[in-house]
């Protein structure tokens, strides 16, 4: 008679463990669903940021072109200023020599 009682106790322990496993699996399932939803939202956010980056790039490209032109003008102005300064110095030297 002790065998059926032990079998029932073992079955009860197994059922309790299976119930615990079921709860853990359900918890993991919920966690995975939340994680997947979060990843999907982050993917949408990344796509939104990519679109924003492209808009910014498109609006800044003309500015960069203008800045490149300003750099070219500044380079020309530096050379022109150095040339004018050299000519003024030559004129002053000629004036001192003549006078």
Protein backbone atom coordinates (compact mmCIF):
# COMPACT_ATOMS: atom_id res chain seq x y z
CA UNK A 1 0.00 0.00 0.00
CA UNK A 2 2.85 2.29 0.48
CA UNK A 3 3.71 2.16 -3.22
CA UNK A 4 0.54 3.90 -4.50
CA UNK A 5 0.89 6.59 -1.85
CA UNK A 6 4.51 7.25 -2.88
CA UNK A 7 3.43 7.31 -6.52
CA UNK A 8 0.75 9.87 -5.80
CA UNK A 9 3.22 12.01 -3.88
CA UNK A 10 5.71 11.79 -6.74
CA UNK A 11 3.01 12.72 -9.23
CA UNK A 12 2.01 15.67 -7.06
CA UNK A 13 5.65 16.84 -6.87
CA UNK A 14 6.04 16.48 -10.62
CA UNK A 15 2.84 18.41 -11.25
CA UNK A 16 3.99 21.16 -8.88
CA UNK A 17 7.33 21.36 -10.68
CA UNK A 18 5.61 21.42 -14.07
CA UNK A 19 3.37 24.24 -12.87
CA UNK A 20 6.48 26.15 -11.80
CA UNK A 21 8.10 25.50 -15.17
CA UNK A 22 4.92 26.69 -16.92
CA UNK A 23 4.94 29.93 -14.92
CA UNK A 24 8.61 30.51 -15.76
CA UNK A 25 8.02 29.79 -19.45
CA UNK A 26 5.05 32.17 -19.46
CA UNK A 27 7.21 34.84 -17.79
CA UNK A 28 9.94 34.33 -20.38
CA UNK A 29 7.39 34.51 -23.17
CA UNK A 30 6.08 37.84 -21.87
CA UNK A 31 9.64 39.14 -21.48
CA UNK A 32 10.52 38.14 -25.04
CA UNK A 33 7.38 39.81 -26.40
CA UNK A 34 8.23 43.02 -24.56
CA UNK A 35 11.82 42.85 -25.78
CA UNK A 36 10.70 42.37 -29.38
CA UNK A 37 8.25 45.29 -29.09
CA UNK A 38 11.06 47.45 -27.68
CA UNK A 39 13.39 46.46 -30.51
CA UNK A 40 10.68 47.31 -33.05
CA UNK A 41 10.19 50.75 -31.47
CA UNK A 42 13.94 51.34 -31.50
CA UNK A 43 14.06 50.33 -35.17
CA UNK A 44 11.36 52.89 -35.95
CA UNK A 45 13.28 55.52 -34.01
CA UNK A 46 16.49 54.71 -35.91
CA UNK A 47 14.63 55.05 -39.21
CA UNK A 48 13.27 58.40 -38.06
CA UNK A 49 16.78 59.54 -37.14
CA UNK A 50 18.11 58.42 -40.52
CA UNK A 51 15.46 60.48 -42.27
CA UNK A 52 16.29 63.48 -40.08
CA UNK A 53 20.01 63.05 -40.82
CA UNK A 54 19.30 63.09 -44.55
CA UNK A 55 17.19 66.25 -44.18
CA UNK A 56 19.98 67.95 -42.25
CA UNK A 57 22.57 66.84 -44.79
CA UNK A 58 20.46 68.20 -47.64
CA UNK A 59 19.98 71.55 -45.89
CA UNK A 60 23.66 71.90 -44.91
CA UNK A 61 25.27 70.96 -48.22
CA UNK A 62 24.71 74.44 -49.73
CA UNK A 63 26.21 75.98 -46.60
CA UNK A 64 29.28 73.77 -46.91
CA UNK A 65 29.67 74.82 -50.54
CA UNK A 66 29.50 78.48 -49.50
CA UNK A 67 32.07 77.86 -46.76
CA UNK A 68 34.38 76.28 -49.32
CA UNK A 69 33.96 79.40 -51.47
CA UNK A 70 34.75 81.59 -48.45
CA UNK A 71 37.89 79.54 -47.84
CA UNK A 72 38.95 80.12 -51.43
CA UNK A 73 38.27 83.86 -51.13
CA UNK A 74 40.25 84.04 -47.86
CA UNK A 75 43.17 82.24 -49.51
CA UNK A 76 43.12 84.72 -52.40
CA UNK A 77 42.83 87.66 -49.96
CA UNK A 78 45.83 86.44 -47.94
CA UNK A 79 47.96 86.28 -51.06
CA UNK A 80 46.67 89.63 -52.31
CA UNK A 81 47.35 91.26 -48.92
CA UNK A 82 50.87 89.86 -48.85
CA UNK A 83 51.43 91.12 -52.41
CA UNK A 84 50.13 94.62 -51.56
CA UNK A 85 52.26 94.74 -48.40
CA UNK A 86 55.35 93.75 -50.41
CA UNK A 87 54.64 96.46 -53.02
CA UNK A 88 54.10 99.12 -50.34
CA UNK A 89 57.38 98.13 -48.75
CA UNK A 90 59.15 98.40 -52.11
CA UNK A 91 57.65 101.87 -52.67
CA UNK A 92 58.76 103.00 -49.21
CA UNK A 93 62.27 101.73 -49.85
CA UNK A 94 62.36 103.54 -53.21
CA UNK A 95 61.06 106.73 -51.57
CA UNK A 96 63.80 106.59 -48.88
CA UNK A 97 66.45 105.96 -51.49
CA UNK A 98 65.20 108.79 -53.68
CA UNK A 99 64.69 111.25 -50.83
